[in-house]
N, C-alpha and C. Protein backbone atom coordinates (compact mmCIF):
# COMPACT_ATOMS: atom_id res chain seq x y z
N MET A 1 194.60 65.24 68.59
CA MET A 1 195.60 65.21 67.53
C MET A 1 195.66 63.80 66.93
N ASN A 2 195.76 63.73 65.61
CA ASN A 2 195.76 62.45 64.90
C ASN A 2 197.12 61.76 64.90
N ILE A 3 198.20 62.54 64.96
CA ILE A 3 199.54 61.97 64.84
C ILE A 3 200.34 62.26 66.10
N VAL A 4 200.93 61.22 66.67
CA VAL A 4 201.82 61.38 67.82
C VAL A 4 203.20 60.93 67.37
N LYS A 5 204.20 61.78 67.55
CA LYS A 5 205.56 61.46 67.15
C LYS A 5 206.38 61.09 68.38
N LYS A 6 206.98 59.91 68.35
CA LYS A 6 207.85 59.45 69.43
C LYS A 6 209.11 58.91 68.80
N LYS A 7 210.22 59.56 69.10
CA LYS A 7 211.50 59.20 68.50
C LYS A 7 211.36 59.18 66.98
N ASN A 8 211.64 58.05 66.34
CA ASN A 8 211.56 57.95 64.89
C ASN A 8 210.28 57.29 64.41
N PHE A 9 209.26 57.24 65.25
CA PHE A 9 208.01 56.57 64.91
C PHE A 9 206.86 57.55 64.92
N LEU A 10 205.89 57.32 64.03
CA LEU A 10 204.65 58.08 64.03
C LEU A 10 203.53 57.14 64.44
N PHE A 11 202.72 57.56 65.37
CA PHE A 11 201.55 56.79 65.76
C PHE A 11 200.33 57.57 65.30
N ILE A 12 199.57 56.99 64.39
CA ILE A 12 198.42 57.67 63.80
C ILE A 12 197.16 57.07 64.41
N LYS A 13 196.37 57.93 65.06
CA LYS A 13 195.21 57.43 65.80
C LYS A 13 193.94 57.37 64.95
N ASN A 14 193.60 58.42 64.25
CA ASN A 14 192.37 58.48 63.46
C ASN A 14 192.71 58.70 61.99
N ASN A 15 191.86 58.23 61.12
CA ASN A 15 192.07 58.38 59.67
C ASN A 15 193.45 57.88 59.26
N TRP A 16 193.90 56.80 59.88
CA TRP A 16 195.27 56.32 59.68
C TRP A 16 195.58 55.99 58.23
N ALA A 17 194.63 55.43 57.49
CA ALA A 17 194.91 55.03 56.10
C ALA A 17 195.13 56.25 55.22
N LYS A 18 194.28 57.25 55.38
CA LYS A 18 194.41 58.47 54.58
C LYS A 18 195.69 59.23 54.93
N ILE A 19 195.97 59.35 56.20
CA ILE A 19 197.18 60.06 56.64
C ILE A 19 198.42 59.31 56.19
N SER A 20 198.40 57.99 56.28
CA SER A 20 199.53 57.18 55.81
C SER A 20 199.78 57.41 54.32
N ALA A 21 198.70 57.43 53.53
CA ALA A 21 198.83 57.67 52.09
C ALA A 21 199.43 59.05 51.83
N GLU A 22 199.01 60.04 52.59
CA GLU A 22 199.55 61.40 52.42
C GLU A 22 201.03 61.46 52.78
N ILE A 23 201.43 60.75 53.81
CA ILE A 23 202.84 60.70 54.20
C ILE A 23 203.66 60.02 53.12
N ILE A 24 203.17 58.91 52.60
CA ILE A 24 203.88 58.20 51.53
C ILE A 24 204.01 59.10 50.30
N TYR A 25 202.94 59.77 49.93
CA TYR A 25 202.98 60.64 48.76
C TYR A 25 203.94 61.81 48.97
N SER A 26 203.96 62.34 50.17
CA SER A 26 204.90 63.42 50.49
C SER A 26 206.34 62.95 50.31
N GLU A 27 206.63 61.72 50.74
CA GLU A 27 207.98 61.16 50.57
C GLU A 27 208.31 60.97 49.09
N ILE A 28 207.34 60.55 48.30
CA ILE A 28 207.54 60.41 46.86
C ILE A 28 207.93 61.75 46.26
N GLU A 29 207.23 62.80 46.63
CA GLU A 29 207.54 64.14 46.12
C GLU A 29 208.93 64.61 46.55
N LYS A 30 209.32 64.33 47.79
CA LYS A 30 210.66 64.71 48.26
C LYS A 30 211.75 64.00 47.46
N ILE A 31 211.55 62.72 47.20
CA ILE A 31 212.54 61.95 46.44
C ILE A 31 212.62 62.45 45.00
N HIS A 32 211.47 62.83 44.43
CA HIS A 32 211.46 63.36 43.06
C HIS A 32 212.24 64.67 42.94
N LEU A 33 212.41 65.37 44.02
CA LEU A 33 213.23 66.59 43.99
C LEU A 33 214.70 66.24 43.78
N LYS A 34 215.09 65.03 44.19
CA LYS A 34 216.49 64.62 44.12
C LYS A 34 216.81 63.73 42.93
N LYS A 35 215.81 63.00 42.42
CA LYS A 35 216.06 62.08 41.32
C LYS A 35 214.82 61.93 40.45
N GLU A 36 215.04 61.47 39.23
CA GLU A 36 213.97 61.40 38.24
C GLU A 36 212.94 60.30 38.53
N THR A 37 213.39 59.14 38.99
CA THR A 37 212.50 58.00 39.19
C THR A 37 212.52 57.55 40.65
N VAL A 38 211.34 57.34 41.20
CA VAL A 38 211.20 56.82 42.55
C VAL A 38 210.87 55.33 42.46
N ASN A 39 211.58 54.52 43.23
CA ASN A 39 211.36 53.07 43.27
C ASN A 39 210.68 52.70 44.59
N ILE A 40 209.52 52.08 44.48
CA ILE A 40 208.73 51.75 45.66
C ILE A 40 208.44 50.26 45.69
N ALA A 41 208.75 49.61 46.80
CA ALA A 41 208.39 48.21 47.01
C ALA A 41 207.09 48.18 47.80
N LEU A 42 206.08 47.57 47.22
CA LEU A 42 204.75 47.51 47.82
C LEU A 42 204.55 46.20 48.57
N THR A 43 203.60 46.22 49.46
CA THR A 43 203.18 45.02 50.17
C THR A 43 201.72 44.79 49.85
N GLY A 44 201.26 43.58 50.07
CA GLY A 44 199.87 43.26 49.80
C GLY A 44 199.09 43.12 51.09
N GLY A 45 197.87 42.67 50.97
CA GLY A 45 197.06 42.39 52.15
C GLY A 45 196.00 43.43 52.43
N ARG A 46 195.16 43.12 53.41
CA ARG A 46 194.03 43.99 53.75
C ARG A 46 194.47 45.33 54.33
N THR A 47 195.52 45.32 55.15
CA THR A 47 195.97 46.55 55.79
C THR A 47 196.42 47.56 54.75
N SER A 48 197.28 47.12 53.84
CA SER A 48 197.81 48.04 52.83
C SER A 48 196.74 48.50 51.86
N SER A 49 195.76 47.65 51.55
CA SER A 49 194.74 48.05 50.58
C SER A 49 193.94 49.25 51.08
N LYS A 50 193.82 49.39 52.39
CA LYS A 50 193.13 50.56 52.95
C LYS A 50 193.91 51.85 52.67
N ILE A 51 195.22 51.74 52.72
CA ILE A 51 196.09 52.89 52.40
C ILE A 51 196.06 53.15 50.89
N TYR A 52 196.10 52.08 50.10
CA TYR A 52 196.17 52.20 48.65
C TYR A 52 194.95 52.90 48.05
N ILE A 53 193.80 52.78 48.68
CA ILE A 53 192.60 53.47 48.19
C ILE A 53 192.85 54.97 48.17
N HIS A 54 193.46 55.49 49.22
CA HIS A 54 193.74 56.94 49.31
C HIS A 54 194.95 57.33 48.47
N LEU A 55 195.97 56.48 48.45
CA LEU A 55 197.18 56.77 47.67
C LEU A 55 196.86 56.80 46.18
N ASN A 56 195.93 55.99 45.75
CA ASN A 56 195.50 55.95 44.35
C ASN A 56 195.08 57.34 43.87
N LYS A 57 194.29 58.03 44.66
CA LYS A 57 193.80 59.37 44.30
C LYS A 57 194.96 60.36 44.15
N LEU A 58 195.96 60.23 45.00
CA LEU A 58 197.12 61.13 44.94
C LEU A 58 198.02 60.79 43.75
N LEU A 59 198.20 59.51 43.47
CA LEU A 59 199.09 59.10 42.38
C LEU A 59 198.54 59.43 41.01
N LYS A 60 197.23 59.48 40.86
CA LYS A 60 196.62 59.77 39.57
C LYS A 60 197.11 61.10 39.01
N LYS A 61 197.40 62.05 39.89
CA LYS A 61 197.83 63.38 39.43
C LYS A 61 199.35 63.48 39.25
N ASN A 62 200.07 62.44 39.68
CA ASN A 62 201.54 62.46 39.59
C ASN A 62 201.97 62.14 38.16
N LYS A 63 202.76 63.00 37.56
CA LYS A 63 203.21 62.82 36.17
C LYS A 63 204.68 62.44 36.09
N LYS A 64 205.30 62.16 37.22
CA LYS A 64 206.72 61.80 37.22
C LYS A 64 206.88 60.29 37.26
N LYS A 65 208.11 59.83 37.02
CA LYS A 65 208.36 58.39 36.92
C LYS A 65 208.37 57.72 38.29
N ILE A 66 207.62 56.63 38.37
CA ILE A 66 207.60 55.80 39.57
C ILE A 66 207.64 54.35 39.12
N ASN A 67 208.56 53.59 39.70
CA ASN A 67 208.62 52.14 39.49
C ASN A 67 208.12 51.47 40.75
N PHE A 68 207.12 50.62 40.58
CA PHE A 68 206.58 49.84 41.69
C PHE A 68 207.02 48.39 41.53
N CYS A 69 207.32 47.75 42.63
CA CYS A 69 207.58 46.31 42.62
C CYS A 69 206.97 45.75 43.89
N LEU A 70 206.99 44.44 44.00
CA LEU A 70 206.42 43.79 45.17
C LEU A 70 207.50 43.39 46.15
N GLY A 71 207.28 43.72 47.40
CA GLY A 71 208.21 43.29 48.45
C GLY A 71 207.84 41.92 48.97
N ASP A 72 206.59 41.51 48.73
CA ASP A 72 206.15 40.17 49.11
C ASP A 72 205.09 39.72 48.10
N GLU A 73 205.18 38.46 47.72
CA GLU A 73 204.22 37.92 46.75
C GLU A 73 204.23 36.41 46.81
N ARG A 74 203.10 35.85 46.54
CA ARG A 74 203.02 34.40 46.32
C ARG A 74 203.44 34.19 44.87
N TYR A 75 204.01 33.04 44.56
CA TYR A 75 204.46 32.80 43.18
C TYR A 75 203.27 32.31 42.35
N LEU A 76 202.34 33.25 42.12
CA LEU A 76 201.12 33.00 41.37
C LEU A 76 201.05 33.98 40.22
N SER A 77 200.28 33.64 39.21
CA SER A 77 200.04 34.57 38.11
C SER A 77 199.45 35.86 38.66
N ASN A 78 199.80 37.00 38.06
CA ASN A 78 199.23 38.27 38.52
C ASN A 78 197.74 38.38 38.16
N LYS A 79 197.21 37.40 37.46
CA LYS A 79 195.77 37.34 37.17
C LYS A 79 195.02 36.57 38.26
N SER A 80 195.75 35.89 39.13
CA SER A 80 195.13 35.15 40.22
C SER A 80 194.64 36.11 41.30
N LYS A 81 193.40 35.91 41.74
CA LYS A 81 192.84 36.76 42.79
C LYS A 81 193.54 36.56 44.13
N LEU A 82 194.36 35.52 44.24
CA LEU A 82 195.12 35.27 45.47
C LEU A 82 196.46 36.00 45.49
N SER A 83 196.85 36.60 44.37
CA SER A 83 198.15 37.28 44.32
C SER A 83 198.03 38.71 44.80
N ASN A 84 199.10 39.20 45.41
CA ASN A 84 199.14 40.60 45.84
C ASN A 84 199.11 41.53 44.64
N SER A 85 199.76 41.15 43.54
CA SER A 85 199.78 42.01 42.36
C SER A 85 198.37 42.23 41.81
N PHE A 86 197.51 41.21 41.89
CA PHE A 86 196.12 41.36 41.43
C PHE A 86 195.41 42.44 42.25
N SER A 87 195.52 42.34 43.58
CA SER A 87 194.82 43.31 44.43
C SER A 87 195.42 44.70 44.32
N ILE A 88 196.73 44.80 44.14
CA ILE A 88 197.36 46.11 43.98
C ILE A 88 196.93 46.76 42.67
N ASN A 89 196.87 45.97 41.59
CA ASN A 89 196.38 46.51 40.32
C ASN A 89 194.92 46.96 40.43
N LYS A 90 194.14 46.22 41.18
CA LYS A 90 192.71 46.53 41.33
C LYS A 90 192.48 47.79 42.17
N VAL A 91 193.24 47.94 43.26
CA VAL A 91 192.97 49.03 44.21
C VAL A 91 193.88 50.24 44.01
N LEU A 92 195.17 50.02 43.82
CA LEU A 92 196.13 51.14 43.77
C LEU A 92 196.42 51.62 42.36
N LEU A 93 196.72 50.70 41.46
CA LEU A 93 197.22 51.09 40.13
C LEU A 93 196.19 50.87 39.04
N ASN A 94 194.93 51.18 39.32
CA ASN A 94 193.86 50.97 38.35
C ASN A 94 193.66 52.16 37.41
N TYR A 95 194.67 52.99 37.25
CA TYR A 95 194.63 54.13 36.36
C TYR A 95 195.72 53.94 35.30
N LYS A 96 195.67 54.73 34.26
CA LYS A 96 196.67 54.65 33.18
C LYS A 96 197.67 55.79 33.33
N ASN A 97 198.94 55.45 33.45
CA ASN A 97 200.01 56.45 33.47
C ASN A 97 201.27 55.76 32.96
N LYS A 98 201.73 56.19 31.78
CA LYS A 98 202.89 55.53 31.14
C LYS A 98 204.17 55.71 31.94
N ASP A 99 204.22 56.67 32.85
CA ASP A 99 205.42 56.90 33.65
C ASP A 99 205.44 56.08 34.95
N HIS A 100 204.36 55.39 35.23
CA HIS A 100 204.30 54.52 36.40
C HIS A 100 204.36 53.08 35.91
N LYS A 101 205.39 52.35 36.34
CA LYS A 101 205.57 50.96 35.93
C LYS A 101 205.45 50.06 37.15
N PHE A 102 204.82 48.91 36.94
CA PHE A 102 204.63 47.94 38.01
C PHE A 102 205.28 46.64 37.59
N PHE A 103 206.37 46.28 38.25
CA PHE A 103 207.11 45.06 37.94
C PHE A 103 206.58 43.92 38.81
N THR A 104 206.18 42.85 38.17
CA THR A 104 205.70 41.68 38.88
C THR A 104 206.45 40.45 38.37
N PRO A 105 206.57 39.43 39.17
CA PRO A 105 207.26 38.22 38.71
C PRO A 105 206.52 37.56 37.54
N ASN A 106 207.27 37.03 36.61
CA ASN A 106 206.71 36.27 35.49
C ASN A 106 206.70 34.80 35.91
N THR A 107 205.56 34.31 36.29
CA THR A 107 205.46 32.96 36.84
C THR A 107 205.56 31.86 35.77
N LYS A 108 205.73 32.26 34.51
CA LYS A 108 205.96 31.27 33.46
C LYS A 108 207.41 30.78 33.51
N ASN A 109 208.28 31.55 34.14
CA ASN A 109 209.69 31.18 34.31
C ASN A 109 209.87 30.36 35.59
N LYS A 110 210.95 29.62 35.65
CA LYS A 110 211.30 28.95 36.90
C LYS A 110 211.58 30.01 37.94
N ILE A 111 211.25 29.71 39.17
CA ILE A 111 211.39 30.71 40.24
C ILE A 111 212.84 31.16 40.41
N SER A 112 213.81 30.26 40.27
CA SER A 112 215.22 30.65 40.44
C SER A 112 215.65 31.66 39.37
N LYS A 113 215.19 31.45 38.15
CA LYS A 113 215.50 32.39 37.07
C LYS A 113 214.78 33.72 37.28
N GLU A 114 213.56 33.64 37.70
CA GLU A 114 212.75 34.86 37.87
C GLU A 114 213.25 35.72 39.02
N ILE A 115 213.78 35.11 40.06
CA ILE A 115 214.33 35.88 41.19
C ILE A 115 215.46 36.78 40.69
N LEU A 116 216.34 36.25 39.87
CA LEU A 116 217.46 37.04 39.33
C LEU A 116 216.96 38.14 38.40
N ALA A 117 216.01 37.83 37.54
CA ALA A 117 215.46 38.82 36.62
C ALA A 117 214.74 39.94 37.37
N TYR A 118 213.96 39.55 38.36
CA TYR A 118 213.18 40.50 39.14
C TYR A 118 214.09 41.45 39.91
N GLU A 119 215.17 40.91 40.45
CA GLU A 119 216.13 41.70 41.21
C GLU A 119 216.76 42.80 40.35
N LYS A 120 216.96 42.55 39.08
CA LYS A 120 217.60 43.51 38.17
C LYS A 120 216.66 44.63 37.72
N GLN A 121 215.35 44.42 37.83
CA GLN A 121 214.39 45.41 37.34
C GLN A 121 214.41 46.71 38.12
N ILE A 122 214.66 46.64 39.40
CA ILE A 122 214.67 47.83 40.23
C ILE A 122 216.04 47.95 40.86
N ASP A 123 216.69 49.07 40.58
CA ASP A 123 218.06 49.30 41.02
C ASP A 123 218.15 49.43 42.55
N LYS A 124 217.43 50.36 43.10
CA LYS A 124 217.50 50.67 44.53
C LYS A 124 216.10 51.03 45.00
N ILE A 125 215.70 50.49 46.13
CA ILE A 125 214.38 50.80 46.68
C ILE A 125 214.48 52.10 47.47
N ASP A 126 213.64 53.07 47.11
CA ASP A 126 213.60 54.35 47.83
C ASP A 126 212.59 54.31 48.97
N ILE A 127 211.47 53.65 48.74
CA ILE A 127 210.42 53.53 49.74
C ILE A 127 210.00 52.07 49.82
N LEU A 128 209.99 51.54 51.03
CA LEU A 128 209.60 50.15 51.26
C LEU A 128 208.40 50.15 52.20
N LEU A 129 207.29 49.60 51.75
CA LEU A 129 206.11 49.53 52.59
C LEU A 129 206.00 48.14 53.21
N LEU A 130 205.92 48.11 54.52
CA LEU A 130 205.71 46.88 55.28
C LEU A 130 204.50 47.13 56.17
N THR A 131 203.72 46.10 56.40
CA THR A 131 202.53 46.30 57.23
C THR A 131 202.46 45.27 58.34
N LEU A 132 201.68 45.62 59.33
CA LEU A 132 201.35 44.73 60.42
C LEU A 132 199.90 44.32 60.19
N GLY A 133 199.67 43.03 59.91
CA GLY A 133 198.32 42.55 59.63
C GLY A 133 197.49 42.44 60.89
N ASP A 134 196.17 42.55 60.69
CA ASP A 134 195.29 42.45 61.85
C ASP A 134 195.24 41.03 62.42
N ASP A 135 195.85 40.07 61.69
CA ASP A 135 195.94 38.71 62.21
C ASP A 135 197.28 38.45 62.91
N GLY A 136 198.09 39.52 63.07
CA GLY A 136 199.33 39.41 63.81
C GLY A 136 200.58 39.21 62.98
N HIS A 137 200.43 39.09 61.66
CA HIS A 137 201.65 38.88 60.87
C HIS A 137 202.30 40.23 60.54
N ILE A 138 203.61 40.19 60.40
CA ILE A 138 204.39 41.39 60.06
C ILE A 138 205.10 41.11 58.75
N ALA A 139 204.84 41.97 57.75
CA ALA A 139 205.54 41.89 56.47
C ALA A 139 205.55 40.47 55.90
N SER A 140 204.39 39.84 55.91
CA SER A 140 204.20 38.49 55.38
C SER A 140 204.96 37.41 56.14
N ILE A 141 205.33 37.69 57.37
CA ILE A 141 205.89 36.67 58.24
C ILE A 141 204.75 36.27 59.17
N PHE A 142 204.18 35.11 58.94
CA PHE A 142 202.98 34.70 59.64
C PHE A 142 203.29 33.89 60.89
N PRO A 143 202.59 34.19 61.99
CA PRO A 143 202.79 33.38 63.19
C PRO A 143 202.24 31.97 62.94
N LYS A 144 202.81 31.01 63.60
CA LYS A 144 202.38 29.62 63.50
C LYS A 144 202.53 29.04 62.10
N PHE A 145 203.39 29.61 61.29
CA PHE A 145 203.63 29.09 59.94
C PHE A 145 204.75 28.07 60.02
N ASN A 146 204.47 26.87 59.63
CA ASN A 146 205.47 25.81 59.64
C ASN A 146 206.15 25.73 58.29
N LYS A 147 207.38 26.10 58.24
CA LYS A 147 208.15 26.04 57.00
C LYS A 147 208.53 24.59 56.72
N LYS A 148 208.26 24.15 55.50
CA LYS A 148 208.62 22.78 55.13
C LYS A 148 210.11 22.69 54.89
N LYS A 149 210.69 21.63 55.36
CA LYS A 149 212.12 21.40 55.14
C LYS A 149 212.28 20.54 53.90
N ASN A 150 213.27 20.91 53.06
CA ASN A 150 213.55 20.12 51.84
C ASN A 150 214.50 18.99 52.11
């Protein structure tokens, strides 16, 4: 069996990226039964991109409104190959659908101003994707990261 359920957790043994994409898409469909627009906060990185390859195929056929935003991002232009928005556009949202919107920070603004603007773009997050990286980081919280003090 590919999926083991324990309490409120699913442990996926084989084909984890494809099964994860199917679970996410199923949740999108359930939320669409209750409301017109689904708001999803995405994460970046190698782990999520494996899921996004499969989710891309499912989303192409979705004709309902979906707002995507980033749950983690470096404050870089979305044209920078180092930004999560660049990789998400390349792997997940590389199709055209006027009902799917992807909100990314405008790095031409000061970060303090952009944080407020970005917060207003998405009312409530319905689905939040967080990942555990193969290098040990969880949701962009990296081990051995020394935060600079101001």
